[in-house]
């Protein structure tokens, strides 16, 4: 499953928002850099938007 499909499935099931921890807990990505790249790509494509642009920072 891709991140884009995972997001779409969540939206279909009335969960339109998610956190970076939710994505990490899926186990889809073997490294943090790959995850960050995928999130950046989805933002650039306007598939997702960030209410607060913090996902690239470690909190």
Protein backbone atom coordinates (compact mmCIF):
# COMPACT_ATOMS: atom_id res chain seq x y z
CA UNK A 1 0.00 0.00 0.00
CA UNK A 2 1.24 3.47 -0.81
CA UNK A 3 0.99 6.46 1.47
CA UNK A 4 -1.38 8.13 -0.99
CA UNK A 5 -3.71 5.08 -0.91
CA UNK A 6 -3.49 4.95 2.90
CA UNK A 7 -4.52 8.64 3.09
CA UNK A 8 -7.39 8.08 0.65
CA UNK A 9 -8.62 5.05 2.63
CA UNK A 10 -8.56 7.08 5.85
CA UNK A 11 -10.57 9.87 4.20
CA UNK A 12 -13.14 7.38 2.91
CA UNK A 13 -13.55 6.05 6.44
CA UNK A 14 -14.06 9.56 7.89
CA UNK A 15 -10.48 10.08 9.14
CA UNK A 16 -9.31 12.97 6.91
CA UNK A 17 -6.46 14.02 9.20
CA UNK A 18 -3.38 12.20 10.43
CA UNK A 19 -0.18 12.89 12.28
CA UNK A 20 3.40 12.05 11.40
CA UNK A 21 3.25 9.44 14.16
CA UNK A 22 0.25 7.80 12.47
CA UNK A 23 2.29 7.49 9.28
CA UNK A 24 5.35 6.19 11.13
CA UNK A 25 3.23 3.57 12.89
CA UNK A 26 2.12 2.10 9.56
CA UNK A 27 5.62 0.73 9.05
CA UNK A 28 5.49 1.52 5.33
CA UNK A 29 8.89 3.22 5.25
CA UNK A 30 12.25 1.78 6.19
CA UNK A 31 13.85 5.16 6.83
CA UNK A 32 12.83 8.57 8.04
CA UNK A 33 14.33 10.20 4.93
CA UNK A 34 12.13 8.13 2.59
CA UNK A 35 9.07 9.07 4.66
CA UNK A 36 9.99 12.76 4.57
CA UNK A 37 10.54 12.63 0.80
CA UNK A 38 7.15 11.00 0.24
CA UNK A 39 5.36 13.57 2.43
CA UNK A 40 7.13 16.40 0.60
CA UNK A 41 6.11 14.94 -2.76
CA UNK A 42 2.47 14.64 -1.68
CA UNK A 43 2.54 18.26 -0.44
CA UNK A 44 4.05 19.46 -3.71
CA UNK A 45 1.32 17.61 -5.64
CA UNK A 46 -1.29 19.18 -3.32
CA UNK A 47 -2.48 15.70 -2.34
CA UNK A 48 -2.04 16.72 1.29
CA UNK A 49 -1.69 20.04 3.03
CA UNK A 50 -0.07 20.83 6.34
CA UNK A 51 -2.16 22.77 8.83
CA UNK A 52 1.10 23.50 10.69
CA UNK A 53 4.30 23.02 8.68
CA UNK A 54 6.24 21.02 11.28
CA UNK A 55 6.49 17.54 9.78
CA UNK A 56 10.03 18.17 8.57
CA UNK A 57 11.21 19.04 12.07
CA UNK A 58 11.79 16.59 14.88
CA UNK A 59 9.52 17.52 17.73
